Protein backbone atom coordinates (compact mmCIF):
# COMPACT_ATOMS: atom_id res chain seq x y z
CA UNK A 1 27.02 -13.17 -19.64
CA UNK A 2 24.83 -10.08 -19.25
CA UNK A 3 21.72 -12.23 -18.80
CA UNK A 4 23.43 -14.32 -16.13
CA UNK A 5 24.40 -11.17 -14.24
CA UNK A 6 20.84 -9.85 -14.37
CA UNK A 7 19.58 -13.17 -12.97
CA UNK A 8 21.99 -12.95 -10.04
CA UNK A 9 20.95 -9.37 -9.27
CA UNK A 10 17.25 -10.33 -9.44
CA UNK A 11 17.85 -13.04 -6.84
CA UNK A 12 19.70 -10.62 -4.55
CA UNK A 13 17.62 -7.43 -4.47
CA UNK A 14 19.10 -6.25 -1.17
CA UNK A 15 22.60 -6.46 -2.60
CA UNK A 16 21.47 -4.66 -5.75
CA UNK A 17 19.99 -1.79 -3.72
CA UNK A 18 23.09 -1.52 -1.55
CA UNK A 19 25.31 -1.36 -4.63
CA UNK A 20 23.08 1.26 -6.28
CA UNK A 21 22.66 3.66 -3.35
CA UNK A 22 25.05 4.29 -0.46
CA UNK A 23 22.25 5.73 1.71
CA UNK A 24 20.20 2.55 1.36
CA UNK A 25 23.29 0.43 2.02
CA UNK A 26 23.80 2.25 5.32
CA UNK A 27 20.10 1.98 6.14
CA UNK A 28 19.99 -1.78 5.55
CA UNK A 29 23.08 -2.22 7.69
CA UNK A 30 21.25 -0.34 10.43
CA UNK A 31 17.78 -1.98 10.32
CA UNK A 32 18.62 -5.30 8.67
CA UNK A 33 17.45 -6.81 5.39
CA UNK A 34 13.66 -6.62 5.53
CA UNK A 35 10.89 -7.86 3.25
CA UNK A 36 7.19 -7.24 2.64
CA UNK A 37 6.13 -9.65 5.36
CA UNK A 38 7.96 -7.52 7.91
CA UNK A 39 5.94 -4.49 6.85
CA UNK A 40 2.65 -6.45 6.91
CA UNK A 41 3.34 -7.33 10.56
CA UNK A 42 1.14 -10.40 10.44
CA UNK A 43 -1.87 -8.72 8.84
CA UNK A 44 -3.80 -11.17 6.62
CA UNK A 45 -3.48 -10.61 2.89
CA UNK A 46 -7.04 -11.71 2.03
CA UNK A 47 -8.37 -11.39 -1.51
CA UNK A 48 -8.44 -8.34 -3.77
CA UNK A 49 -11.96 -7.26 -2.85
CA UNK A 50 -11.43 -7.67 0.91
CA UNK A 51 -8.13 -5.80 0.64
CA UNK A 52 -9.82 -2.82 -1.00
CA UNK A 53 -12.70 -3.00 1.50
CA UNK A 54 -10.22 -2.76 4.37
CA UNK A 55 -8.44 0.10 2.63
CA UNK A 56 -11.62 2.20 2.46
CA UNK A 57 -12.56 1.45 6.06
CA UNK A 58 -9.08 2.27 7.35
CA UNK A 59 -8.58 5.58 5.57
CA UNK A 60 -7.39 8.37 7.90
CA UNK A 61 -7.71 6.13 10.97
CA UNK A 62 -5.18 4.64 13.34
CA UNK A 63 -4.53 0.93 12.92
CA UNK A 64 -6.42 0.22 16.13
CA UNK A 65 -9.50 2.27 15.17
CA UNK A 66 -9.55 0.78 11.68
CA UNK A 67 -9.48 -2.76 13.09
CA UNK A 68 -12.31 -2.00 15.50
CA UNK A 69 -14.59 -0.55 12.82
CA UNK A 70 -13.74 -3.35 10.40
CA UNK A 71 -14.78 -5.90 13.02
CA UNK A 72 -18.04 -4.02 13.62
CA UNK A 73 -18.79 -4.05 9.89
CA UNK A 74 -18.12 -7.80 9.73
CA UNK A 75 -20.42 -8.32 12.71
CA UNK A 76 -23.31 -7.02 10.60
CA UNK A 77 -22.80 -10.06 8.37
CA UNK A 78 -22.22 -12.68 11.04
CA UNK A 79 -18.48 -12.09 11.35
CA UNK A 80 -17.60 -12.43 7.66
CA UNK A 81 -16.90 -9.92 4.95
CA UNK A 82 -20.00 -9.05 2.92
CA UNK A 83 -20.31 -9.89 -0.74
CA UNK A 84 -20.67 -6.72 -2.84
CA UNK A 85 -24.36 -7.45 -3.38
CA UNK A 86 -24.93 -7.76 0.38
CA UNK A 87 -23.16 -4.49 1.00
CA UNK A 88 -25.39 -2.72 -1.50
CA UNK A 89 -28.49 -4.15 0.23
CA UNK A 90 -27.44 -2.87 3.66
CA UNK A 91 -29.02 0.32 5.00
CA UNK A 92 -26.72 3.31 5.34
CA UNK A 93 -27.81 3.71 8.97
CA UNK A 94 -26.63 0.22 9.86
CA UNK A 95 -23.21 0.83 8.30
CA UNK A 96 -22.88 4.19 10.02
CA UNK A 97 -23.80 2.61 13.34
CA UNK A 98 -20.68 0.44 12.92
CA UNK A 99 -18.59 3.62 12.95
CA UNK A 100 -18.34 4.46 9.25
CA UNK A 101 -18.73 8.06 8.15
CA UNK A 102 -21.34 8.91 5.56
CA UNK A 103 -18.58 9.49 3.03
CA UNK A 104 -17.00 6.09 3.67
CA UNK A 105 -20.39 4.44 3.22
CA UNK A 106 -20.53 6.11 -0.21
CA UNK A 107 -17.03 4.86 -1.00
CA UNK A 108 -17.88 1.27 0.01
CA UNK A 109 -20.98 1.41 -2.15
CA UNK A 110 -18.91 2.68 -5.07
CA UNK A 111 -16.50 -0.23 -4.62
CA UNK A 112 -19.35 -2.74 -4.47
CA UNK A 113 -21.04 -1.20 -7.51
CA UNK A 114 -17.86 -1.38 -9.58
CA UNK A 115 -17.39 -5.04 -8.67
CA UNK A 116 -21.02 -6.02 -9.32
CA UNK A 117 -21.11 -4.19 -12.66
CA UNK A 118 -17.84 -5.76 -13.79
CA UNK A 119 -16.14 -2.38 -14.15
CA UNK A 120 -13.63 -3.57 -11.56
CA UNK A 121 -12.72 -7.19 -12.23
CA UNK A 122 -10.81 -8.02 -9.07
CA UNK A 123 -10.02 -11.50 -10.33
CA UNK A 124 -7.93 -10.23 -13.22
CA UNK A 125 -6.00 -7.41 -11.54
CA UNK A 126 -3.01 -9.73 -11.14
CA UNK A 127 -2.79 -9.99 -14.93
CA UNK A 128 -2.60 -6.24 -15.53
CA UNK A 129 0.49 -4.02 -15.62
CA UNK A 130 0.92 -1.53 -12.80
CA UNK A 131 -0.47 1.49 -14.64
CA UNK A 132 -3.66 -0.35 -15.60
CA UNK A 133 -4.18 -1.57 -12.04
CA UNK A 134 -3.89 2.03 -10.85
CA UNK A 135 -6.44 3.16 -13.44
CA UNK A 136 -8.89 0.41 -12.44
CA UNK A 137 -8.67 1.13 -8.72
CA UNK A 138 -8.75 4.92 -8.91
CA UNK A 139 -11.96 4.72 -10.95
CA UNK A 140 -13.66 3.76 -7.67
CA UNK A 141 -14.77 6.75 -5.65
CA UNK A 142 -12.61 7.19 -2.57
CA UNK A 143 -9.68 5.11 -3.81
CA UNK A 144 -6.84 7.33 -4.98
CA UNK A 145 -3.33 6.75 -6.24
CA UNK A 146 -1.94 6.10 -2.75
CA UNK A 147 -4.50 3.31 -2.22
CA UNK A 148 -3.60 1.85 -5.61
CA UNK A 149 0.11 1.95 -4.76
CA UNK A 150 -0.49 0.13 -1.46
CA UNK A 151 -2.55 -2.49 -3.30
CA UNK A 152 0.24 -3.00 -5.83
CA UNK A 153 2.86 -3.32 -3.11
CA UNK A 154 1.17 -5.42 -0.47
CA UNK A 155 -1.49 -7.42 -2.30
CA UNK A 156 -0.04 -7.92 -5.77
CA UNK A 157 3.52 -7.77 -4.38
CA UNK A 158 4.82 -5.81 -7.35
CA UNK A 159 8.55 -5.21 -6.83
CA UNK A 160 9.01 -1.77 -8.35
CA UNK A 161 6.39 0.57 -6.86
CA UNK A 162 7.18 4.07 -5.59
CA UNK A 163 4.30 5.67 -3.63
CA UNK A 164 5.22 9.29 -4.28
CA UNK A 165 2.27 10.55 -2.23
CA UNK A 166 3.11 8.61 0.92
CA UNK A 167 4.04 11.00 3.72
CA UNK A 168 6.14 8.39 5.52
CA UNK A 169 8.32 7.72 2.48
CA UNK A 170 8.72 11.43 1.79
CA UNK A 171 9.66 12.08 5.42
CA UNK A 172 12.15 9.19 5.51
CA UNK A 173 13.80 10.39 2.30
CA UNK A 174 14.00 13.94 3.65
CA UNK A 175 15.79 12.68 6.77
CA UNK A 176 18.09 10.13 5.16
CA UNK A 177 19.11 12.27 2.20
CA UNK A 178 19.50 15.46 4.21
CA UNK A 179 16.87 17.50 2.41
CA UNK A 180 15.62 20.81 3.75
CA UNK A 181 11.99 20.02 2.87
CA UNK A 182 9.80 17.05 2.06
CA UNK A 183 10.59 16.00 -1.52
CA UNK A 184 7.97 16.63 -4.18
CA UNK A 185 6.98 13.73 -6.42
CA UNK A 186 9.47 14.69 -9.14
CA UNK A 187 12.39 14.92 -6.72
CA UNK A 188 11.43 11.65 -5.07
CA UNK A 189 11.31 9.91 -8.44
CA UNK A 190 14.75 11.27 -9.30
CA UNK A 191 16.26 10.08 -6.02
CA UNK A 192 14.60 6.68 -6.40
CA UNK A 193 15.70 6.09 -9.99
CA UNK A 194 18.77 4.02 -8.93
CA UNK A 195 16.51 1.77 -6.85
CA UNK A 196 14.85 0.25 -9.91
CA UNK A 197 13.67 -2.49 -10.22
CA UNK A 198 13.40 -2.86 -6.41
CA UNK A 199 11.72 0.36 -5.32
CA UNK A 200 9.11 -1.52 -3.25
CA UNK A 201 11.85 -3.12 -1.16
CA UNK A 202 13.60 0.22 -0.76
CA UNK A 203 10.37 1.69 0.60
CA UNK A 204 10.01 -1.10 3.16
CA UNK A 205 13.37 -0.10 4.62
CA UNK A 206 12.58 3.61 4.50
CA UNK A 207 9.34 3.08 6.42
CA UNK A 208 11.26 1.08 9.01
CA UNK A 209 13.83 3.85 9.37
CA UNK A 210 11.17 6.13 10.83
CA UNK A 211 10.92 3.80 13.84
CA UNK A 212 14.65 4.17 14.44
CA UNK A 213 14.81 7.95 14.76
CA UNK A 214 15.98 9.41 18.08
CA UNK A 215 13.26 11.02 20.19
CA UNK A 216 12.97 14.78 19.88
CA UNK A 217 13.94 16.82 22.93
């Protein structure tokens, strides 16, 4: 009987979240029952390497600026994403002319080097548990825990990821749970404990809630 109940809950993650947390129940009633595709907003998923390449390029940039620079980088290679070996053979000046900072050029080279050397086996990341994926990705210079969390959520589609360093999630939790300050990682983990094993889905709704806040006077 217990196994049958778990199977039903697994098939109905929105209902499980609503039953576990009144705040999330109210939020889902307000914004609707969303999924990962809603958060992607039509952005292509690509492969693991291209996903990480885009992540490095887009760091600390608006969506529009990141798209523009990504397109300029692709233009260097005839409109396609470069293989790691091609990236390593490209002059720094050419990459910087596309709009990349010197630091991001270093980060892209680190990514390419890890793939070429086999230190980062992008083809087997899907087989690894979450903590090992994080360790593999954060070994690349310029890719931190937040980048690894985004990769887990939106590329590997892991269902129970909590990006404790994401400012949007922290801000949404502060607002929805009536906190005086942004929650630290430990407090966020405590609040999110009832969301298991659907913390990724909870985060999708929390991000959406930020678009439904009244304008400040």
